[in-house]
Every structure is written in structure tokens, then in C-alpha cells.
Amino acid sequence: MVKFNTHTHRSLNRGGLTLLELLVVLVILIATALIIFPTFDNIDIASPTGEADSPVEIATQATMNTVREAMAGEDGVIESLSHKTNALPRKINDLLKEDAPEHMEEAAPELKNYDPVNKIGWHGPYVHATGRNKTGEPTIVDGWGNELELQVDFDQDGTINQTESKFIRVVSAGPNGEIETPDDITNMKPGENEVSELTLSECGDDLVMFLRYPDNRK
């Protein structure tokens, strides 16, 4: 009489994956892919070209979205420091710094150290460097290798008020490598009034992302 070794049989069965297990793994892989490669339908970015996005533009949009998530997302820079807006970053590479930017020493010294209880204060670095600027410092660059620009101090008085922080935006210089988007006080709000609001035609080939305000330029 031949004896059937049930232990050996179970071990052989465990050598492969069942159909259910394969389906579970497939679902996990798809979910992970959606997290790593998000769609850009909900990103407030507009390119004046009106044409389909090139791979370089898509890469730039992904980088800009990372910046926006770091600044405006949960426990981001804006959420953490918005009660004292003058402490917000002035330059894009401020987001790379572990220690608070130098201007915070004067603007809000009490926010230089992160308070984990109240969740306020500088908690960098918020993003990783993707390139270097013209002076060789690590920074965040677009798909064309140009440093992204943070536009927030629109009246150029060295301070950031509540109104200015509302219209904070990240700008890519686009293919020509030159920032054409005006950052003065008369071009804070995106809209239709060409005298006092930012329009698409004023931005050249720049890609512009608004962090706290819908992009309704025309």
C-alpha cells in the first residue's frame, strides 16, 4: 500500500501562487503604479502653446507638482508657516534646506525649529535637488534644466503678506530658458483683465503652477 505524504503535498502546493494570490499581487502593483505615476488632470498648470504636452513638459509638470505637494500639501510649508506668511520660502532651493532659510531669523525666529506638537516651524528638506543653478548650488530644475522660480513677493518689499501668499506660484522658464511671467503687484491674480491680472499671453512659453488659487488665465 502506497502512503500519501500530506506534508509533502502541502509543501509542493506552496511552491507556486494560486490564481487568487496572483490577482491580489496584480492589484497591488497597479495601485503602486498609480501612486508613482499620477495623472496630471487636476494640476493647475497651463502652457500657452495649447498643444499636446511633450515628454519634457510632462516631466516638468511632475517636478512642479512635487513642489506644490511639498509646499501646500498636508503639513507642508504653507500649512506649517501660513500664520506668519513672512516666513515662507523666497527661493525654490530654500525647500532643499534642512535648516530654516536665513531670512526666517529676522522674520520669525520662533519658527526656525519644528514644533511636533503644534506642527509648525521649518521641517525641511521638503524636496530633493534635481539639478544645479547657474552658481553651482543644488536646486530644483525643470525638464529643460532651468531652475524653477518661486513667485511670492509681488510688491518686492521684502515681506510676504496674506494676499501675496494666496497667489504664490511656481514658474518654469519653458523651452527658451527665460522667465517671462511677470511677478509684480499688478499681475498677482490670474484672470481676464489684462491691466491688473495675469494672462496666458504675458507668460510666453513658461509653465505656471498656482499653489493656492485656480488657474483661470485666458
N, C-alpha and C. Protein backbone atom coordinates (compact mmCIF):
# COMPACT_ATOMS: atom_id res chain seq x y z
N MET A 1 0.85 -1.20 0.00
CA MET A 1 0.00 0.00 0.00
C MET A 1 0.88 1.24 0.00
N VAL A 2 0.57 2.16 -0.92
CA VAL A 2 1.37 3.39 -1.01
C VAL A 2 0.80 4.44 -0.06
N LYS A 3 1.66 4.97 0.76
CA LYS A 3 1.22 6.02 1.69
C LYS A 3 1.41 7.40 1.05
N PHE A 4 0.40 8.23 1.24
CA PHE A 4 0.44 9.59 0.69
C PHE A 4 0.92 10.55 1.76
N ASN A 5 2.01 11.20 1.48
CA ASN A 5 2.58 12.13 2.46
C ASN A 5 1.89 13.49 2.31
N THR A 6 0.97 13.75 3.20
CA THR A 6 0.21 15.02 3.12
C THR A 6 1.10 16.23 3.35
N HIS A 7 2.10 16.09 4.18
CA HIS A 7 3.01 17.21 4.45
C HIS A 7 3.75 17.62 3.19
N THR A 8 4.23 16.58 2.45
CA THR A 8 4.94 16.85 1.19
C THR A 8 4.00 17.48 0.18
N HIS A 9 2.77 17.03 0.13
CA HIS A 9 1.78 17.56 -0.81
C HIS A 9 1.53 19.04 -0.55
N ARG A 10 1.37 19.40 0.73
CA ARG A 10 1.13 20.81 1.08
C ARG A 10 2.34 21.65 0.73
N SER A 11 3.53 21.11 0.93
CA SER A 11 4.75 21.87 0.62
C SER A 11 4.86 22.14 -0.86
N LEU A 12 4.47 21.12 -1.70
CA LEU A 12 4.53 21.33 -3.13
C LEU A 12 3.53 22.38 -3.58
N ASN A 13 2.34 22.37 -2.95
CA ASN A 13 1.33 23.37 -3.30
C ASN A 13 1.80 24.78 -2.99
N ARG A 14 2.57 24.90 -1.93
CA ARG A 14 3.04 26.22 -1.52
C ARG A 14 4.20 26.71 -2.38
N GLY A 15 4.67 25.86 -3.29
CA GLY A 15 5.78 26.26 -4.15
C GLY A 15 5.37 27.27 -5.21
N GLY A 16 4.07 27.40 -5.51
CA GLY A 16 3.59 28.35 -6.50
C GLY A 16 2.50 29.23 -5.92
N LEU A 17 1.97 30.16 -6.76
CA LEU A 17 0.92 31.08 -6.32
C LEU A 17 -0.41 30.64 -6.90
N THR A 18 -1.45 30.76 -6.11
CA THR A 18 -2.79 30.46 -6.61
C THR A 18 -3.26 31.62 -7.47
N LEU A 19 -4.34 31.40 -8.20
CA LEU A 19 -4.89 32.47 -9.05
C LEU A 19 -5.32 33.66 -8.21
N LEU A 20 -5.90 33.40 -7.05
CA LEU A 20 -6.32 34.49 -6.17
C LEU A 20 -5.14 35.31 -5.70
N GLU A 21 -4.06 34.62 -5.34
CA GLU A 21 -2.85 35.32 -4.89
C GLU A 21 -2.26 36.17 -6.01
N LEU A 22 -2.27 35.63 -7.23
CA LEU A 22 -1.77 36.40 -8.37
C LEU A 22 -2.61 37.65 -8.61
N LEU A 23 -3.92 37.52 -8.47
CA LEU A 23 -4.80 38.69 -8.65
C LEU A 23 -4.53 39.75 -7.59
N VAL A 24 -4.32 39.31 -6.36
CA VAL A 24 -4.01 40.25 -5.28
C VAL A 24 -2.71 41.00 -5.57
N VAL A 25 -1.69 40.26 -6.01
CA VAL A 25 -0.40 40.88 -6.36
C VAL A 25 -0.58 41.88 -7.50
N LEU A 26 -1.38 41.50 -8.50
CA LEU A 26 -1.62 42.38 -9.65
C LEU A 26 -2.30 43.68 -9.23
N VAL A 27 -3.29 43.57 -8.34
CA VAL A 27 -3.99 44.76 -7.85
C VAL A 27 -3.03 45.68 -7.11
N ILE A 28 -2.16 45.09 -6.28
CA ILE A 28 -1.18 45.89 -5.53
C ILE A 28 -0.23 46.61 -6.48
N LEU A 29 0.24 45.90 -7.52
CA LEU A 29 1.15 46.51 -8.50
C LEU A 29 0.48 47.66 -9.23
N ILE A 30 -0.77 47.50 -9.62
CA ILE A 30 -1.49 48.56 -10.32
C ILE A 30 -1.67 49.77 -9.41
N ALA A 31 -2.04 49.52 -8.15
CA ALA A 31 -2.22 50.62 -7.20
C ALA A 31 -0.93 51.37 -6.98
N THR A 32 0.19 50.62 -6.89
CA THR A 32 1.50 51.26 -6.71
C THR A 32 1.87 52.10 -7.92
N ALA A 33 1.58 51.60 -9.11
CA ALA A 33 1.89 52.35 -10.33
C ALA A 33 1.11 53.64 -10.39
N LEU A 34 -0.14 53.64 -9.92
CA LEU A 34 -0.95 54.86 -9.94
C LEU A 34 -0.41 55.89 -8.97
N ILE A 35 0.21 55.41 -7.89
CA ILE A 35 0.81 56.34 -6.93
C ILE A 35 2.09 56.93 -7.49
N ILE A 36 2.91 56.09 -8.11
CA ILE A 36 4.21 56.55 -8.62
C ILE A 36 4.04 57.41 -9.85
N PHE A 37 3.09 57.06 -10.72
CA PHE A 37 2.88 57.79 -11.96
C PHE A 37 1.48 58.41 -11.97
N PRO A 38 1.26 59.49 -11.19
CA PRO A 38 -0.08 60.07 -11.09
C PRO A 38 -0.49 60.75 -12.39
N THR A 39 -1.80 60.86 -12.58
CA THR A 39 -2.29 61.63 -13.72
C THR A 39 -2.19 63.10 -13.39
N PHE A 40 -2.17 63.93 -14.43
CA PHE A 40 -1.99 65.37 -14.21
C PHE A 40 -3.26 66.16 -14.54
N ASP A 41 -4.41 65.49 -14.56
CA ASP A 41 -5.64 66.16 -14.93
C ASP A 41 -6.04 67.25 -13.95
N ASN A 42 -5.67 67.09 -12.68
CA ASN A 42 -6.12 68.03 -11.67
C ASN A 42 -5.05 69.05 -11.30
N ILE A 43 -3.98 69.13 -12.07
CA ILE A 43 -2.91 70.06 -11.76
C ILE A 43 -3.15 71.39 -12.46
N ASP A 44 -3.06 72.47 -11.69
CA ASP A 44 -3.27 73.79 -12.27
C ASP A 44 -2.02 74.28 -12.97
N ILE A 45 -1.77 73.71 -14.14
CA ILE A 45 -0.63 74.11 -14.97
C ILE A 45 -1.16 74.41 -16.36
N ALA A 46 -0.69 75.47 -16.95
CA ALA A 46 -1.10 75.76 -18.31
C ALA A 46 0.11 76.18 -19.12
N SER A 47 0.22 75.65 -20.34
CA SER A 47 1.26 76.06 -21.27
C SER A 47 0.60 76.84 -22.40
N PRO A 48 1.10 78.01 -22.71
CA PRO A 48 0.48 78.85 -23.75
C PRO A 48 0.46 78.21 -25.14
N THR A 49 1.21 77.14 -25.35
CA THR A 49 1.27 76.55 -26.68
C THR A 49 -0.07 75.97 -27.12
N GLY A 50 -0.83 75.45 -26.16
CA GLY A 50 -2.11 74.85 -26.48
C GLY A 50 -1.99 73.51 -27.17
N GLU A 51 -0.76 73.00 -27.31
CA GLU A 51 -0.53 71.73 -27.98
C GLU A 51 -0.40 70.61 -26.94
N ALA A 52 -0.39 69.38 -27.43
CA ALA A 52 -0.23 68.24 -26.53
C ALA A 52 1.12 68.32 -25.81
N ASP A 53 1.13 67.94 -24.55
CA ASP A 53 2.35 68.02 -23.77
C ASP A 53 3.42 67.09 -24.31
N SER A 54 4.63 67.60 -24.40
CA SER A 54 5.78 66.80 -24.78
C SER A 54 6.29 66.06 -23.55
N PRO A 55 7.14 65.04 -23.72
CA PRO A 55 7.71 64.35 -22.56
C PRO A 55 8.45 65.29 -21.61
N VAL A 56 9.11 66.31 -22.16
CA VAL A 56 9.83 67.26 -21.31
C VAL A 56 8.84 68.07 -20.48
N GLU A 57 7.72 68.47 -21.08
CA GLU A 57 6.71 69.22 -20.34
C GLU A 57 6.06 68.36 -19.26
N ILE A 58 5.84 67.10 -19.56
CA ILE A 58 5.26 66.19 -18.58
C ILE A 58 6.20 66.00 -17.39
N ALA A 59 7.49 65.87 -17.68
CA ALA A 59 8.48 65.74 -16.61
C ALA A 59 8.52 67.01 -15.77
N THR A 60 8.41 68.17 -16.43
CA THR A 60 8.40 69.45 -15.71
C THR A 60 7.17 69.54 -14.82
N GLN A 61 6.03 69.13 -15.34
CA GLN A 61 4.79 69.16 -14.56
C GLN A 61 4.90 68.27 -13.33
N ALA A 62 5.53 67.10 -13.49
CA ALA A 62 5.70 66.19 -12.36
C ALA A 62 6.56 66.83 -11.28
N THR A 63 7.64 67.49 -11.69
CA THR A 63 8.52 68.16 -10.73
C THR A 63 7.79 69.30 -10.03
N MET A 64 7.04 70.08 -10.80
CA MET A 64 6.30 71.20 -10.22
C MET A 64 5.23 70.70 -9.27
N ASN A 65 4.62 69.58 -9.58
CA ASN A 65 3.60 69.03 -8.69
C ASN A 65 4.23 68.56 -7.38
N THR A 66 5.46 68.02 -7.47
CA THR A 66 6.17 67.63 -6.25
C THR A 66 6.41 68.84 -5.36
N VAL A 67 6.78 69.96 -5.98
CA VAL A 67 6.99 71.19 -5.23
C VAL A 67 5.69 71.65 -4.58
N ARG A 68 4.62 71.60 -5.34
CA ARG A 68 3.34 72.04 -4.79
C ARG A 68 2.90 71.15 -3.62
N GLU A 69 3.08 69.85 -3.76
CA GLU A 69 2.72 68.95 -2.67
C GLU A 69 3.55 69.25 -1.43
N ALA A 70 4.84 69.56 -1.64
CA ALA A 70 5.72 69.86 -0.50
C ALA A 70 5.32 71.15 0.18
N MET A 71 4.84 72.12 -0.60
CA MET A 71 4.51 73.42 -0.03
C MET A 71 3.09 73.52 0.46
N ALA A 72 2.16 72.94 -0.27
CA ALA A 72 0.75 73.14 0.06
C ALA A 72 0.05 71.87 0.53
N GLY A 73 0.74 70.75 0.51
CA GLY A 73 0.12 69.50 0.94
C GLY A 73 0.01 69.41 2.44
N GLU A 74 -0.38 68.23 2.91
CA GLU A 74 -0.55 68.03 4.35
C GLU A 74 0.76 68.29 5.09
N ASP A 75 0.69 69.19 6.08
CA ASP A 75 1.87 69.57 6.87
C ASP A 75 2.98 70.14 6.00
N GLY A 76 2.63 70.74 4.87
CA GLY A 76 3.63 71.35 4.01
C GLY A 76 4.08 72.70 4.53
N VAL A 77 4.89 73.37 3.75
CA VAL A 77 5.45 74.66 4.17
C VAL A 77 4.35 75.67 4.45
N ILE A 78 3.40 75.81 3.52
CA ILE A 78 2.36 76.83 3.68
C ILE A 78 1.48 76.52 4.88
N GLU A 79 1.09 75.26 5.03
CA GLU A 79 0.25 74.90 6.18
C GLU A 79 0.99 75.14 7.49
N SER A 80 2.27 74.86 7.50
CA SER A 80 3.05 74.98 8.72
C SER A 80 3.34 76.43 9.10
N LEU A 81 3.56 77.28 8.07
CA LEU A 81 4.03 78.64 8.34
C LEU A 81 3.03 79.73 7.95
N SER A 82 1.83 79.34 7.50
CA SER A 82 0.92 80.33 6.93
C SER A 82 0.43 81.35 7.94
N HIS A 83 0.51 81.04 9.24
CA HIS A 83 0.07 82.03 10.23
C HIS A 83 1.08 83.17 10.35
N LYS A 84 2.27 82.98 9.78
CA LYS A 84 3.26 84.07 9.71
C LYS A 84 3.87 84.00 8.32
N THR A 85 3.16 84.59 7.36
CA THR A 85 3.50 84.40 5.95
C THR A 85 4.87 84.93 5.58
N ASN A 86 5.38 85.88 6.33
CA ASN A 86 6.70 86.41 6.00
C ASN A 86 7.80 85.38 6.18
N ALA A 87 7.45 84.25 6.76
CA ALA A 87 8.43 83.18 6.96
C ALA A 87 8.47 82.20 5.79
N LEU A 88 7.59 82.38 4.80
CA LEU A 88 7.55 81.47 3.67
C LEU A 88 8.85 81.54 2.85
N PRO A 89 9.19 80.47 2.14
CA PRO A 89 10.40 80.48 1.30
C PRO A 89 10.35 81.57 0.25
N ARG A 90 11.50 82.13 -0.09
CA ARG A 90 11.59 83.16 -1.12
C ARG A 90 12.17 82.59 -2.41
N LYS A 91 13.03 81.55 -2.27
CA LYS A 91 13.67 80.94 -3.43
C LYS A 91 13.35 79.45 -3.44
N ILE A 92 13.36 78.89 -4.64
CA ILE A 92 12.98 77.49 -4.79
C ILE A 92 13.92 76.56 -4.04
N ASN A 93 15.22 76.90 -3.98
CA ASN A 93 16.14 75.99 -3.30
C ASN A 93 16.09 76.12 -1.78
N ASP A 94 15.26 77.03 -1.25
CA ASP A 94 15.01 77.04 0.19
C ASP A 94 14.40 75.71 0.62
N LEU A 95 13.66 75.08 -0.28
CA LEU A 95 12.97 73.83 0.04
C LEU A 95 13.93 72.66 0.23
N LEU A 96 15.18 72.85 -0.17
CA LEU A 96 16.18 71.78 -0.04
C LEU A 96 16.88 71.81 1.31
N LYS A 97 16.69 72.87 2.07
CA LYS A 97 17.50 73.10 3.26
C LYS A 97 16.94 72.39 4.48
N GLU A 98 17.84 71.75 5.20
CA GLU A 98 17.44 71.10 6.45
C GLU A 98 17.16 72.16 7.52
N ASP A 99 18.02 73.18 7.57
CA ASP A 99 17.81 74.28 8.50
C ASP A 99 17.00 75.38 7.82
N ALA A 100 16.29 76.14 8.60
CA ALA A 100 15.43 77.19 8.06
C ALA A 100 16.23 78.21 7.26
N PRO A 101 15.64 78.77 6.20
CA PRO A 101 16.33 79.80 5.41
C PRO A 101 16.73 80.99 6.28
N GLU A 102 17.78 81.68 5.86
CA GLU A 102 18.35 82.76 6.66
C GLU A 102 17.34 83.87 6.97
N HIS A 103 16.45 84.17 6.02
CA HIS A 103 15.53 85.29 6.24
C HIS A 103 14.56 85.03 7.39
N MET A 104 14.40 83.77 7.78
CA MET A 104 13.49 83.47 8.89
C MET A 104 14.05 83.89 10.23
N GLU A 105 15.37 84.08 10.31
CA GLU A 105 15.98 84.54 11.56
C GLU A 105 15.35 85.86 12.00
N GLU A 106 15.12 86.73 11.02
CA GLU A 106 14.52 88.03 11.31
C GLU A 106 12.99 87.98 11.24
N ALA A 107 12.47 87.23 10.26
CA ALA A 107 11.02 87.23 10.04
C ALA A 107 10.26 86.47 11.13
N ALA A 108 10.79 85.34 11.53
CA ALA A 108 10.08 84.51 12.50
C ALA A 108 11.03 83.55 13.18
N PRO A 109 11.90 84.05 14.07
CA PRO A 109 12.90 83.18 14.69
C PRO A 109 12.30 82.01 15.46
N GLU A 110 11.07 82.20 15.96
CA GLU A 110 10.44 81.12 16.74
C GLU A 110 10.03 79.94 15.86
N LEU A 111 10.04 80.14 14.52
CA LEU A 111 9.64 79.08 13.60
C LEU A 111 10.83 78.35 12.98
N LYS A 112 12.03 78.72 13.40
CA LYS A 112 13.21 78.08 12.80
C LYS A 112 13.30 76.60 13.19
N ASN A 113 12.72 76.26 14.34
CA ASN A 113 12.72 74.87 14.78
C ASN A 113 11.29 74.33 14.74
N TYR A 114 11.15 73.12 14.26
CA TYR A 114 9.83 72.50 14.10
C TYR A 114 9.26 72.07 15.46
N ASP A 115 8.01 72.42 15.68
CA ASP A 115 7.30 72.02 16.89
C ASP A 115 6.39 70.85 16.54
N PRO A 116 6.75 69.63 16.92
CA PRO A 116 5.96 68.46 16.52
C PRO A 116 4.57 68.41 17.14
N VAL A 117 4.36 69.15 18.23
CA VAL A 117 3.05 69.15 18.88
C VAL A 117 2.08 70.03 18.09
N ASN A 118 2.49 71.27 17.83
CA ASN A 118 1.64 72.19 17.06
C ASN A 118 1.82 72.04 15.56
N LYS A 119 2.86 71.28 15.17
CA LYS A 119 3.18 71.05 13.76
C LYS A 119 3.41 72.35 13.00
N ILE A 120 4.16 73.25 13.60
CA ILE A 120 4.54 74.48 12.92
C ILE A 120 6.06 74.63 13.00
N GLY A 121 6.60 75.41 12.08
CA GLY A 121 8.04 75.62 12.03
C GLY A 121 8.65 74.96 10.81
N TRP A 122 9.92 75.22 10.61
CA TRP A 122 10.62 74.67 9.44
C TRP A 122 10.89 73.20 9.65
N HIS A 123 10.56 72.41 8.65
CA HIS A 123 10.68 70.95 8.78
C HIS A 123 11.32 70.36 7.53
N GLY A 124 12.33 71.07 6.99
CA GLY A 124 12.96 70.65 5.75
C GLY A 124 13.96 69.51 5.96
N PRO A 125 14.54 69.03 4.86
CA PRO A 125 14.25 69.43 3.48
C PRO A 125 12.92 68.89 2.99
N TYR A 126 12.24 69.69 2.18
CA TYR A 126 10.91 69.32 1.70
C TYR A 126 10.95 68.56 0.37
N VAL A 127 11.99 68.79 -0.40
CA VAL A 127 12.15 68.10 -1.68
C VAL A 127 13.63 67.79 -1.88
N HIS A 128 13.91 66.99 -2.89
CA HIS A 128 15.29 66.65 -3.23
C HIS A 128 15.73 67.45 -4.46
N ALA A 129 17.00 67.78 -4.50
CA ALA A 129 17.55 68.52 -5.64
C ALA A 129 17.45 67.68 -6.91
N THR A 130 17.15 68.34 -8.02
CA THR A 130 17.10 67.65 -9.31
C THR A 130 18.14 68.21 -10.28
N GLY A 131 18.95 69.17 -9.82
CA GLY A 131 19.97 69.76 -10.67
C GLY A 131 20.70 70.86 -9.93
N ARG A 132 21.40 71.70 -10.67
CA ARG A 132 22.14 72.82 -10.08
C ARG A 132 21.82 74.10 -10.82
N ASN A 133 21.88 75.22 -10.08
CA ASN A 133 21.63 76.50 -10.73
C ASN A 133 22.91 77.04 -11.36
N LYS A 134 22.86 78.26 -11.84
CA LYS A 134 24.00 78.84 -12.57
C LYS A 134 25.23 79.04 -11.69
N THR A 135 25.01 79.14 -10.37
CA THR A 135 26.15 79.31 -9.47
C THR A 135 26.65 77.98 -8.92
N GLY A 136 26.05 76.88 -9.37
CA GLY A 136 26.51 75.56 -8.96
C GLY A 136 25.84 75.01 -7.72
N GLU A 137 24.88 75.75 -7.16
CA GLU A 137 24.19 75.27 -5.97
C GLU A 137 23.12 74.25 -6.34
N PRO A 138 22.91 73.24 -5.49
CA PRO A 138 21.83 72.29 -5.74
C PRO A 138 20.49 73.01 -5.76
N THR A 139 19.62 72.64 -6.67
CA THR A 139 18.33 73.30 -6.77
C THR A 139 17.33 72.37 -7.44
N ILE A 140 16.18 72.89 -7.79
CA ILE A 140 15.13 72.11 -8.45
C ILE A 140 14.96 72.66 -9.85
N VAL A 141 15.15 71.81 -10.84
CA VAL A 141 15.12 72.28 -12.22
C VAL A 141 13.96 71.64 -12.98
N ASP A 142 13.58 72.29 -14.09
CA ASP A 142 12.54 71.76 -14.95
C ASP A 142 13.13 70.77 -15.94
N GLY A 143 12.31 70.30 -16.88
CA GLY A 143 12.77 69.32 -17.85
C GLY A 143 13.83 69.82 -18.79
N TRP A 144 13.96 71.15 -18.90
CA TRP A 144 14.98 71.75 -19.76
C TRP A 144 16.25 72.09 -19.00
N GLY A 145 16.28 71.76 -17.70
CA GLY A 145 17.46 72.01 -16.89
C GLY A 145 17.52 73.40 -16.29
N ASN A 146 16.43 74.17 -16.38
CA ASN A 146 16.41 75.52 -15.82
C ASN A 146 15.83 75.51 -14.40
N GLU A 147 16.41 76.33 -13.54
CA GLU A 147 15.93 76.42 -12.17
C GLU A 147 14.50 76.95 -12.13
N LEU A 148 13.64 76.29 -11.36
CA LEU A 148 12.28 76.78 -11.18
C LEU A 148 12.30 78.05 -10.35
N GLU A 149 11.33 78.91 -10.60
CA GLU A 149 11.25 80.18 -9.87
C GLU A 149 10.01 80.19 -8.98
N LEU A 150 10.20 80.65 -7.75
CA LEU A 150 9.10 80.80 -6.81
C LEU A 150 8.69 82.28 -6.80
N GLN A 151 7.46 82.57 -7.20
CA GLN A 151 6.97 83.95 -7.23
C GLN A 151 5.99 84.15 -6.08
N VAL A 152 6.37 85.03 -5.15
CA VAL A 152 5.51 85.25 -3.98
C VAL A 152 5.56 86.69 -3.48
N ASP A 153 6.71 87.33 -3.50
CA ASP A 153 6.82 88.71 -3.01
C ASP A 153 6.53 89.68 -4.17
N PHE A 154 5.26 89.85 -4.50
CA PHE A 154 4.88 90.55 -5.72
C PHE A 154 5.15 92.06 -5.67
N ASP A 155 5.12 92.65 -4.50
CA ASP A 155 5.39 94.09 -4.44
C ASP A 155 6.86 94.39 -4.17
N GLN A 156 7.68 93.33 -4.09
CA GLN A 156 9.13 93.47 -3.97
C GLN A 156 9.55 94.31 -2.76
N ASP A 157 8.80 94.19 -1.65
CA ASP A 157 9.15 94.99 -0.47
C ASP A 157 9.90 94.16 0.57
N GLY A 158 10.22 92.92 0.23
CA GLY A 158 10.98 92.08 1.14
C GLY A 158 10.14 91.33 2.16
N THR A 159 8.83 91.54 2.15
CA THR A 159 7.94 90.82 3.05
C THR A 159 6.82 90.16 2.25
N ILE A 160 6.19 89.17 2.87
CA ILE A 160 5.09 88.46 2.21
C ILE A 160 3.85 88.59 3.08
N ASN A 161 2.81 89.19 2.54
CA ASN A 161 1.58 89.34 3.31
C ASN A 161 0.57 88.25 2.94
N GLN A 162 -0.58 88.27 3.60
CA GLN A 162 -1.58 87.23 3.38
C GLN A 162 -2.09 87.21 1.95
N THR A 163 -2.26 88.40 1.35
CA THR A 163 -2.75 88.47 -0.03
C THR A 163 -1.74 87.88 -0.99
N GLU A 164 -0.48 88.23 -0.82
CA GLU A 164 0.57 87.71 -1.70
C GLU A 164 0.67 86.19 -1.58
N SER A 165 0.62 85.69 -0.36
CA SER A 165 0.76 84.24 -0.17
C SER A 165 -0.39 83.48 -0.82
N LYS A 166 -1.52 84.13 -1.01
CA LYS A 166 -2.66 83.48 -1.66
C LYS A 166 -2.36 83.15 -3.11
N PHE A 167 -1.55 83.99 -3.76
CA PHE A 167 -1.29 83.83 -5.19
C PHE A 167 0.09 83.26 -5.49
N ILE A 168 0.74 82.68 -4.49
CA ILE A 168 2.07 82.11 -4.67
C ILE A 168 2.05 81.09 -5.82
N ARG A 169 3.09 81.09 -6.64
CA ARG A 169 3.14 80.19 -7.79
C ARG A 169 4.58 79.77 -8.10
N VAL A 170 4.67 78.64 -8.80
CA VAL A 170 5.95 78.11 -9.27
C VAL A 170 5.99 78.26 -10.78
N VAL A 171 7.12 78.74 -11.31
CA VAL A 171 7.21 79.02 -12.74
C VAL A 171 8.41 78.31 -13.35
N SER A 172 8.17 77.63 -14.47
CA SER A 172 9.24 77.06 -15.29
C SER A 172 9.49 77.99 -16.47
N ALA A 173 10.76 78.20 -16.80
CA ALA A 173 11.11 79.11 -17.89
C ALA A 173 10.72 78.57 -19.26
N GLY A 174 10.39 77.29 -19.35
CA GLY A 174 9.99 76.72 -20.63
C GLY A 174 11.17 76.50 -21.57
N PRO A 175 10.89 76.20 -22.82
CA PRO A 175 11.94 75.85 -23.79
C PRO A 175 12.98 76.94 -24.01
N ASN A 176 12.57 78.23 -23.92
CA ASN A 176 13.54 79.28 -24.24
C ASN A 176 14.45 79.63 -23.06
N GLY A 177 14.20 79.05 -21.90
CA GLY A 177 15.08 79.25 -20.75
C GLY A 177 14.98 80.60 -20.08
N GLU A 178 13.97 81.39 -20.41
CA GLU A 178 13.81 82.72 -19.82
C GLU A 178 12.46 82.84 -19.13
N ILE A 179 12.48 83.30 -17.87
CA ILE A 179 11.24 83.55 -17.16
C ILE A 179 10.59 84.81 -17.74
N GLU A 180 9.41 84.64 -18.31
CA GLU A 180 8.69 85.77 -18.90
C GLU A 180 7.45 86.16 -18.08
N THR A 181 7.05 85.30 -17.18
CA THR A 181 5.87 85.56 -16.36
C THR A 181 6.16 86.70 -15.39
N PRO A 182 5.43 87.82 -15.48
CA PRO A 182 5.69 88.96 -14.59
C PRO A 182 5.32 88.62 -13.16
N ASP A 183 6.10 89.11 -12.21
CA ASP A 183 5.83 88.83 -10.80
C ASP A 183 5.60 90.10 -10.00
N ASP A 184 5.06 91.13 -10.66
CA ASP A 184 4.82 92.38 -9.96
C ASP A 184 3.40 92.42 -9.40
N ILE A 185 3.10 93.44 -8.62
CA ILE A 185 1.86 93.53 -7.87
C ILE A 185 0.63 93.59 -8.76
N THR A 186 0.78 94.04 -10.02
CA THR A 186 -0.38 94.17 -10.92
C THR A 186 -0.69 92.85 -11.63
N ASN A 187 0.11 91.82 -11.40
CA ASN A 187 -0.10 90.55 -12.10
C ASN A 187 -0.16 89.37 -11.13
N MET A 188 -0.82 89.59 -10.00
CA MET A 188 -0.88 88.54 -8.99
C MET A 188 -1.97 87.52 -9.32
N LYS A 189 -3.13 88.02 -9.67
CA LYS A 189 -4.29 87.15 -9.85
C LYS A 189 -4.46 86.75 -11.30
N PRO A 190 -4.61 85.45 -11.60
CA PRO A 190 -4.85 85.04 -12.98
C PRO A 190 -6.29 85.34 -13.39
N GLY A 191 -6.47 85.98 -14.54
CA GLY A 191 -7.82 86.30 -14.96
C GLY A 191 -7.87 86.88 -16.36
N GLU A 192 -8.92 87.66 -16.64
CA GLU A 192 -9.16 88.17 -17.97
C GLU A 192 -8.76 89.64 -18.13
N ASN A 193 -8.66 90.37 -17.05
CA ASN A 193 -8.35 91.79 -17.13
C ASN A 193 -6.86 91.99 -17.38
N GLU A 194 -6.50 92.35 -18.59
CA GLU A 194 -5.08 92.43 -18.95
C GLU A 194 -4.35 93.55 -18.24
N VAL A 195 -5.08 94.49 -17.67
CA VAL A 195 -4.44 95.60 -16.97
C VAL A 195 -3.95 95.17 -15.59
N SER A 196 -4.77 94.41 -14.88
CA SER A 196 -4.42 94.11 -13.49
C SER A 196 -4.32 92.62 -13.17
N GLU A 197 -4.54 91.75 -14.17
CA GLU A 197 -4.49 90.32 -13.90
C GLU A 197 -3.58 89.61 -14.91
N LEU A 198 -3.01 88.50 -14.45
CA LEU A 198 -2.09 87.73 -15.29
C LEU A 198 -2.86 86.98 -16.37
N THR A 199 -2.37 87.05 -17.59
CA THR A 199 -2.98 86.33 -18.70
C THR A 199 -1.96 85.38 -19.33
N LEU A 200 -2.45 84.44 -20.14
CA LEU A 200 -1.57 83.49 -20.81
C LEU A 200 -0.57 84.18 -21.72
N SER A 201 -1.03 85.22 -22.42
CA SER A 201 -0.16 85.88 -23.39
C SER A 201 1.03 86.55 -22.73
N GLU A 202 0.91 86.89 -21.45
CA GLU A 202 2.01 87.55 -20.75
C GLU A 202 3.10 86.58 -20.32
N CYS A 203 2.82 85.29 -20.38
CA CYS A 203 3.73 84.29 -19.81
C CYS A 203 4.67 83.66 -20.83
N GLY A 204 4.56 84.05 -22.11
CA GLY A 204 5.43 83.47 -23.12
C GLY A 204 5.28 81.96 -23.19
N ASP A 205 6.40 81.24 -23.15
CA ASP A 205 6.33 79.77 -23.18
C ASP A 205 6.52 79.16 -21.79
N ASP A 206 6.39 79.99 -20.74
CA ASP A 206 6.53 79.50 -19.37
C ASP A 206 5.42 78.52 -19.01
N LEU A 207 5.74 77.59 -18.11
CA LEU A 207 4.73 76.77 -17.46
C LEU A 207 4.53 77.32 -16.06
N VAL A 208 3.29 77.58 -15.69
CA VAL A 208 2.99 78.24 -14.42
C VAL A 208 2.07 77.36 -13.58
N MET A 209 2.43 77.16 -12.32
CA MET A 209 1.57 76.41 -11.41
C MET A 209 1.20 77.29 -10.22
N PHE A 210 -0.10 77.43 -9.98
CA PHE A 210 -0.59 78.18 -8.83
C PHE A 210 -0.82 77.23 -7.67
N LEU A 211 -0.30 77.60 -6.50
CA LEU A 211 -0.38 76.70 -5.36
C LEU A 211 -1.69 76.81 -4.59
N ARG A 212 -2.28 78.01 -4.56
CA ARG A 212 -3.46 78.19 -3.70
C ARG A 212 -4.62 78.85 -4.43
N TYR A 213 -4.50 79.03 -5.72
CA TYR A 213 -5.53 79.75 -6.46
C TYR A 213 -5.74 79.07 -7.80
N PRO A 214 -6.99 78.92 -8.25
CA PRO A 214 -7.22 78.25 -9.54
C PRO A 214 -6.65 79.03 -10.70
N ASP A 215 -6.14 78.33 -11.67
CA ASP A 215 -5.56 78.97 -12.85
C ASP A 215 -6.67 79.23 -13.87
N ASN A 216 -7.16 80.48 -13.91
CA ASN A 216 -8.20 80.83 -14.86
C ASN A 216 -7.74 81.89 -15.85
N ARG A 217 -6.45 81.81 -16.18
CA ARG A 217 -5.93 82.74 -17.19
C ARG A 217 -6.51 82.41 -18.55
N LYS A 218 -6.61 83.42 -19.39
CA LYS A 218 -7.10 83.23 -20.77
C LYS A 218 -6.24 84.00 -21.74
